[in-house]
PDB file of all heavy atoms in Angstrom:
ATOM      1  N   GLY A   1     -50.899  21.660  73.666  1.00  0.00           N
ATOM      2  CA  GLY A   1     -49.593  21.097  73.993  1.00  0.00           C
ATOM      3  C   GLY A   1     -48.966  20.386  72.818  1.00  0.00           C
ATOM      4  O   GLY A   1     -47.777  20.560  72.519  1.00  0.00           O
ATOM      5  N   THR A   2     -49.765  19.578  72.114  1.00  0.00           N
ATOM      6  CA  THR A   2     -49.262  18.850  70.950  1.00  0.00           C
ATOM      7  C   THR A   2     -48.916  19.786  69.802  1.00  0.00           C
ATOM      8  O   THR A   2     -47.848  19.682  69.191  1.00  0.00           O
ATOM      9  CB  THR A   2     -50.316  17.835  70.468  1.00  0.00           C
ATOM     10  OG1 THR A   2     -50.690  16.985  71.549  1.00  0.00           O
ATOM     11  CG2 THR A   2     -49.770  16.992  69.342  1.00  0.00           C
ATOM     12  N   VAL A   3     -49.820  20.717  69.512  1.00  0.00           N
ATOM     13  CA  VAL A   3     -49.617  21.641  68.390  1.00  0.00           C
ATOM     14  C   VAL A   3     -48.353  22.467  68.576  1.00  0.00           C
ATOM     15  O   VAL A   3     -47.509  22.571  67.669  1.00  0.00           O
ATOM     16  CB  VAL A   3     -50.845  22.561  68.216  1.00  0.00           C
ATOM     17  CG1 VAL A   3     -50.553  23.662  67.199  1.00  0.00           C
ATOM     18  CG2 VAL A   3     -52.065  21.751  67.787  1.00  0.00           C
ATOM     19  N   PHE A   4     -48.185  23.050  69.765  1.00  0.00           N
ATOM     20  CA  PHE A   4     -47.019  23.902  69.987  1.00  0.00           C
ATOM     21  C   PHE A   4     -45.735  23.100  70.150  1.00  0.00           C
ATOM     22  O   PHE A   4     -44.644  23.611  69.886  1.00  0.00           O
ATOM     23  CB  PHE A   4     -47.260  24.827  71.189  1.00  0.00           C
ATOM     24  CG  PHE A   4     -48.099  26.020  70.856  1.00  0.00           C
ATOM     25  CD1 PHE A   4     -49.465  25.997  71.036  1.00  0.00           C
ATOM     26  CD2 PHE A   4     -47.526  27.163  70.326  1.00  0.00           C
ATOM     27  CE1 PHE A   4     -50.256  27.094  70.705  1.00  0.00           C
ATOM     28  CE2 PHE A   4     -48.291  28.264  69.998  1.00  0.00           C
ATOM     29  CZ  PHE A   4     -49.665  28.228  70.187  1.00  0.00           C
ATOM     30  N   SER A   5     -45.850  21.842  70.574  1.00  0.00           N
ATOM     31  CA  SER A   5     -44.671  20.979  70.594  1.00  0.00           C
ATOM     32  C   SER A   5     -44.184  20.718  69.173  1.00  0.00           C
ATOM     33  O   SER A   5     -42.977  20.737  68.901  1.00  0.00           O
ATOM     34  CB  SER A   5     -44.992  19.652  71.294  1.00  0.00           C
ATOM     35  OG  SER A   5     -45.230  19.848  72.669  1.00  0.00           O
ATOM     36  N   PHE A   6     -45.123  20.506  68.248  1.00  0.00           N
ATOM     37  CA  PHE A   6     -44.751  20.334  66.840  1.00  0.00           C
ATOM     38  C   PHE A   6     -44.111  21.613  66.292  1.00  0.00           C
ATOM     39  O   PHE A   6     -43.123  21.567  65.553  1.00  0.00           O
ATOM     40  CB  PHE A   6     -45.978  19.969  66.006  1.00  0.00           C
ATOM     41  CG  PHE A   6     -46.222  18.496  65.906  1.00  0.00           C
ATOM     42  CD1 PHE A   6     -47.399  17.939  66.397  1.00  0.00           C
ATOM     43  CD2 PHE A   6     -45.279  17.656  65.324  1.00  0.00           C
ATOM     44  CE1 PHE A   6     -47.627  16.571  66.304  1.00  0.00           C
ATOM     45  CE2 PHE A   6     -45.498  16.288  65.223  1.00  0.00           C
ATOM     46  CZ  PHE A   6     -46.680  15.743  65.721  1.00  0.00           C
ATOM     47  N   ILE A   7     -44.681  22.757  66.641  1.00  0.00           N
ATOM     48  CA  ILE A   7     -44.115  24.029  66.195  1.00  0.00           C
ATOM     49  C   ILE A   7     -42.693  24.187  66.718  1.00  0.00           C
ATOM     50  O   ILE A   7     -41.777  24.609  65.988  1.00  0.00           O
ATOM     51  CB  ILE A   7     -45.002  25.206  66.657  1.00  0.00           C
ATOM     52  CG1 ILE A   7     -46.346  25.187  65.922  1.00  0.00           C
ATOM     53  CG2 ILE A   7     -44.286  26.543  66.435  1.00  0.00           C
ATOM     54  CD1 ILE A   7     -47.341  26.201  66.432  1.00  0.00           C
ATOM     55  N   ALA A   8     -42.508  23.826  67.993  1.00  0.00           N
ATOM     56  CA  ALA A   8     -41.177  23.920  68.591  1.00  0.00           C
ATOM     57  C   ALA A   8     -40.187  23.015  67.869  1.00  0.00           C
ATOM     58  O   ALA A   8     -39.036  23.410  67.600  1.00  0.00           O
ATOM     59  CB  ALA A   8     -41.248  23.553  70.074  1.00  0.00           C
ATOM     60  N   LEU A   9     -40.616  21.806  67.532  1.00  0.00           N
ATOM     61  CA  LEU A   9     -39.732  20.888  66.825  1.00  0.00           C
ATOM     62  C   LEU A   9     -39.376  21.415  65.434  1.00  0.00           C
ATOM     63  O   LEU A   9     -38.232  21.274  64.983  1.00  0.00           O
ATOM     64  CB  LEU A   9     -40.386  19.510  66.719  1.00  0.00           C
ATOM     65  CG  LEU A   9     -40.520  18.720  68.026  1.00  0.00           C
ATOM     66  CD1 LEU A   9     -41.216  17.390  67.770  1.00  0.00           C
ATOM     67  CD2 LEU A   9     -39.166  18.492  68.660  1.00  0.00           C
ATOM     68  N   LEU A  10     -40.333  22.039  64.773  1.00  0.00           N
ATOM     69  CA  LEU A  10     -40.059  22.625  63.457  1.00  0.00           C
ATOM     70  C   LEU A  10     -39.037  23.746  63.563  1.00  0.00           C
ATOM     71  O   LEU A  10     -38.165  23.903  62.703  1.00  0.00           O
ATOM     72  CB  LEU A  10     -41.364  23.136  62.835  1.00  0.00           C
ATOM     73  CG  LEU A  10     -42.375  22.074  62.402  1.00  0.00           C
ATOM     74  CD1 LEU A  10     -43.650  22.744  61.891  1.00  0.00           C
ATOM     75  CD2 LEU A  10     -41.785  21.170  61.319  1.00  0.00           C
ATOM     76  N   ILE A  11     -39.144  24.553  64.624  1.00  0.00           N
ATOM     77  CA  ILE A  11     -38.176  25.638  64.840  1.00  0.00           C
ATOM     78  C   ILE A  11     -36.767  25.066  64.991  1.00  0.00           C
ATOM     79  O   ILE A  11     -35.793  25.601  64.435  1.00  0.00           O
ATOM     80  CB  ILE A  11     -38.560  26.454  66.089  1.00  0.00           C
ATOM     81  CG1 ILE A  11     -39.852  27.245  65.825  1.00  0.00           C
ATOM     82  CG2 ILE A  11     -37.430  27.419  66.482  1.00  0.00           C
ATOM     83  CD1 ILE A  11     -40.402  27.951  67.041  1.00  0.00           C
ATOM     84  N   ILE A  12     -36.665  23.945  65.734  1.00  0.00           N
ATOM     85  CA  ILE A  12     -35.365  23.319  65.957  1.00  0.00           C
ATOM     86  C   ILE A  12     -34.855  22.661  64.673  1.00  0.00           C
ATOM     87  O   ILE A  12     -33.702  22.866  64.262  1.00  0.00           O
ATOM     88  CB  ILE A  12     -35.465  22.264  67.076  1.00  0.00           C
ATOM     89  CG1 ILE A  12     -35.764  22.926  68.424  1.00  0.00           C
ATOM     90  CG2 ILE A  12     -34.186  21.442  67.165  1.00  0.00           C
ATOM     91  CD1 ILE A  12     -34.682  23.830  68.929  1.00  0.00           C
ATOM     92  N   ILE A  13     -35.706  21.879  64.034  1.00  0.00           N
ATOM     93  CA  ILE A  13     -35.281  21.113  62.854  1.00  0.00           C
ATOM     94  C   ILE A  13     -34.818  22.022  61.715  1.00  0.00           C
ATOM     95  O   ILE A  13     -33.800  21.767  61.070  1.00  0.00           O
ATOM     96  CB  ILE A  13     -36.433  20.204  62.370  1.00  0.00           C
ATOM     97  CG1 ILE A  13     -36.684  19.097  63.401  1.00  0.00           C
ATOM     98  CG2 ILE A  13     -36.120  19.587  61.008  1.00  0.00           C
ATOM     99  CD1 ILE A  13     -37.929  18.276  63.124  1.00  0.00           C
ATOM    100  N   TYR A  14     -35.565  23.108  61.474  1.00  0.00           N
ATOM    101  CA  TYR A  14     -35.243  23.989  60.353  1.00  0.00           C
ATOM    102  C   TYR A  14     -34.446  25.224  60.774  1.00  0.00           C
ATOM    103  O   TYR A  14     -34.152  26.078  59.936  1.00  0.00           O
ATOM    104  CB  TYR A  14     -36.535  24.414  59.644  1.00  0.00           C
ATOM    105  CG  TYR A  14     -37.226  23.261  58.957  1.00  0.00           C
ATOM    106  CD1 TYR A  14     -38.350  22.666  59.520  1.00  0.00           C
ATOM    107  CD2 TYR A  14     -36.741  22.745  57.756  1.00  0.00           C
ATOM    108  CE1 TYR A  14     -38.986  21.593  58.896  1.00  0.00           C
ATOM    109  CE2 TYR A  14     -37.371  21.682  57.128  1.00  0.00           C
ATOM    110  CZ  TYR A  14     -38.490  21.115  57.706  1.00  0.00           C
ATOM    111  OH  TYR A  14     -39.111  20.052  57.087  1.00  0.00           O
ATOM    112  N   GLY A  15     -34.089  25.284  62.046  1.00  0.00           N
ATOM    113  CA  GLY A  15     -33.287  26.414  62.521  1.00  0.00           C
ATOM    114  C   GLY A  15     -33.950  27.756  62.285  1.00  0.00           C
ATOM    115  O   GLY A  15     -33.287  28.741  61.933  1.00  0.00           O
ATOM    116  N   ILE A  16     -35.258  27.820  62.474  1.00  0.00           N
ATOM    117  CA  ILE A  16     -36.018  29.050  62.218  1.00  0.00           C
ATOM    118  C   ILE A  16     -35.651  30.134  63.238  1.00  0.00           C
ATOM    119  O   ILE A  16     -35.672  29.884  64.444  1.00  0.00           O
ATOM    120  CB  ILE A  16     -37.537  28.770  62.274  1.00  0.00           C
ATOM    121  CG1 ILE A  16     -37.913  27.739  61.199  1.00  0.00           C
ATOM    122  CG2 ILE A  16     -38.339  30.053  62.093  1.00  0.00           C
ATOM    123  CD1 ILE A  16     -39.343  27.239  61.315  1.00  0.00           C
ATOM    124  N   HIS A  17     -35.322  31.290  62.724  1.00  0.00           N
ATOM    125  CA  HIS A  17     -35.006  32.416  63.612  1.00  0.00           C
ATOM    126  C   HIS A  17     -36.305  33.118  64.026  1.00  0.00           C
ATOM    127  O   HIS A  17     -37.066  33.588  63.182  1.00  0.00           O
ATOM    128  CB  HIS A  17     -34.082  33.425  62.917  1.00  0.00           C
ATOM    129  CG  HIS A  17     -33.876  34.679  63.716  1.00  0.00           C
ATOM    130  ND1 HIS A  17     -33.115  34.703  64.869  1.00  0.00           N
ATOM    131  CD2 HIS A  17     -34.343  35.953  63.530  1.00  0.00           C
ATOM    132  CE1 HIS A  17     -33.127  35.927  65.365  1.00  0.00           C
ATOM    133  NE2 HIS A  17     -33.855  36.700  64.573  1.00  0.00           N
ATOM    134  N   VAL A  18     -36.533  33.142  65.325  1.00  0.00           N
ATOM    135  CA  VAL A  18     -37.718  33.817  65.865  1.00  0.00           C
ATOM    136  C   VAL A  18     -37.338  35.256  66.186  1.00  0.00           C
ATOM    137  O   VAL A  18     -36.362  35.495  66.902  1.00  0.00           O
ATOM    138  CB  VAL A  18     -38.229  33.109  67.133  1.00  0.00           C
ATOM    139  CG1 VAL A  18     -39.440  33.838  67.717  1.00  0.00           C
ATOM    140  CG2 VAL A  18     -38.573  31.646  66.832  1.00  0.00           C
ATOM    141  N   PRO A  19     -38.061  36.248  65.663  1.00  0.00           N
ATOM    142  CA  PRO A  19     -37.746  37.659  65.950  1.00  0.00           C
ATOM    143  C   PRO A  19     -37.667  37.929  67.446  1.00  0.00           C
ATOM    144  O   PRO A  19     -38.415  37.339  68.237  1.00  0.00           O
ATOM    145  CB  PRO A  19     -38.920  38.413  65.316  1.00  0.00           C
ATOM    146  CG  PRO A  19     -39.409  37.497  64.236  1.00  0.00           C
ATOM    147  CD  PRO A  19     -39.219  36.105  64.757  1.00  0.00           C
ATOM    148  N   ASP A  20     -36.772  38.825  67.831  1.00  0.00           N
ATOM    149  CA  ASP A  20     -36.524  39.078  69.241  1.00  0.00           C
ATOM    150  C   ASP A  20     -37.773  39.534  69.995  1.00  0.00           C
ATOM    151  O   ASP A  20     -37.986  39.148  71.149  1.00  0.00           O
ATOM    152  CB  ASP A  20     -35.419  40.131  69.404  1.00  0.00           C
ATOM    153  CG  ASP A  20     -34.052  39.578  69.045  1.00  0.00           C
ATOM    154  OD1 ASP A  20     -33.910  38.333  69.021  1.00  0.00           O
ATOM    155  OD2 ASP A  20     -33.132  40.374  68.777  1.00  0.00           O
ATOM    156  N   PHE A  21     -38.620  40.345  69.361  1.00  0.00           N
ATOM    157  CA  PHE A  21     -39.787  40.843  70.084  1.00  0.00           C
ATOM    158  C   PHE A  21     -40.784  39.718  70.371  1.00  0.00           C
ATOM    159  O   PHE A  21     -41.447  39.709  71.410  1.00  0.00           O
ATOM    160  CB  PHE A  21     -40.458  41.997  69.324  1.00  0.00           C
ATOM    161  CG  PHE A  21     -41.233  41.592  68.100  1.00  0.00           C
ATOM    162  CD1 PHE A  21     -42.602  41.362  68.155  1.00  0.00           C
ATOM    163  CD2 PHE A  21     -40.586  41.442  66.870  1.00  0.00           C
ATOM    164  CE1 PHE A  21     -43.313  40.988  67.035  1.00  0.00           C
ATOM    165  CE2 PHE A  21     -41.296  41.075  65.739  1.00  0.00           C
ATOM    166  CZ  PHE A  21     -42.663  40.849  65.811  1.00  0.00           C
ATOM    167  N   ILE A  22     -40.858  38.733  69.448  1.00  0.00           N
ATOM    168  CA  ILE A  22     -41.721  37.574  69.689  1.00  0.00           C
ATOM    169  C   ILE A  22     -41.105  36.684  70.764  1.00  0.00           C
ATOM    170  O   ILE A  22     -41.797  36.182  71.667  1.00  0.00           O
ATOM    171  CB  ILE A  22     -41.936  36.781  68.389  1.00  0.00           C
ATOM    172  CG1 ILE A  22     -42.724  37.612  67.377  1.00  0.00           C
ATOM    173  CG2 ILE A  22     -42.671  35.463  68.681  1.00  0.00           C
ATOM    174  CD1 ILE A  22     -42.966  36.907  66.058  1.00  0.00           C
ATOM    175  N   LYS A  23     -39.790  36.509  70.674  1.00  0.00           N
ATOM    176  CA  LYS A  23     -39.097  35.690  71.667  1.00  0.00           C
ATOM    177  C   LYS A  23     -39.276  36.261  73.072  1.00  0.00           C
ATOM    178  O   LYS A  23     -39.512  35.533  74.039  1.00  0.00           O
ATOM    179  CB  LYS A  23     -37.608  35.597  71.317  1.00  0.00           C
ATOM    180  CG  LYS A  23     -36.830  34.611  72.186  1.00  0.00           C
ATOM    181  CD  LYS A  23     -35.338  34.675  71.909  1.00  0.00           C
ATOM    182  CE  LYS A  23     -35.011  34.326  70.471  1.00  0.00           C
ATOM    183  NZ  LYS A  23     -33.536  34.283  70.241  1.00  0.00           N
ATOM    184  N   THR A  24     -39.177  37.576  73.188  1.00  0.00           N
ATOM    185  CA  THR A  24     -39.356  38.223  74.493  1.00  0.00           C
ATOM    186  C   THR A  24     -40.767  38.010  75.026  1.00  0.00           C
ATOM    187  O   THR A  24     -40.964  37.678  76.204  1.00  0.00           O
ATOM    188  CB  THR A  24     -39.074  39.742  74.378  1.00  0.00           C
ATOM    189  OG1 THR A  24     -37.723  39.929  73.944  1.00  0.00           O
ATOM    190  CG2 THR A  24     -39.288  40.432  75.726  1.00  0.00           C
ATOM    191  N   ALA A  25     -41.751  38.170  74.154  1.00  0.00           N
ATOM    192  CA  ALA A  25     -43.145  38.026  74.571  1.00  0.00           C
ATOM    193  C   ALA A  25     -43.443  36.600  75.040  1.00  0.00           C
ATOM    194  O   ALA A  25     -44.040  36.394  76.110  1.00  0.00           O
ATOM    195  CB  ALA A  25     -44.082  38.413  73.433  1.00  0.00           C
ATOM    196  N   VAL A  26     -43.026  35.597  74.243  1.00  0.00           N
ATOM    197  CA  VAL A  26     -43.333  34.214  74.623  1.00  0.00           C
ATOM    198  C   VAL A  26     -42.537  33.794  75.861  1.00  0.00           C
ATOM    199  O   VAL A  26     -43.007  32.977  76.666  1.00  0.00           O
ATOM    200  CB  VAL A  26     -43.076  33.237  73.448  1.00  0.00           C
ATOM    201  CG1 VAL A  26     -44.010  33.541  72.287  1.00  0.00           C
ATOM    202  CG2 VAL A  26     -41.627  33.234  72.994  1.00  0.00           C
TER     203      VAL A  26
END
């Protein structure tokens, strides 16, 4: 929970584009 929350925050902070196929899977 903590690790993926940090990953999520990094995605938001740096505006990381997640590929559509990964986005669909998750």
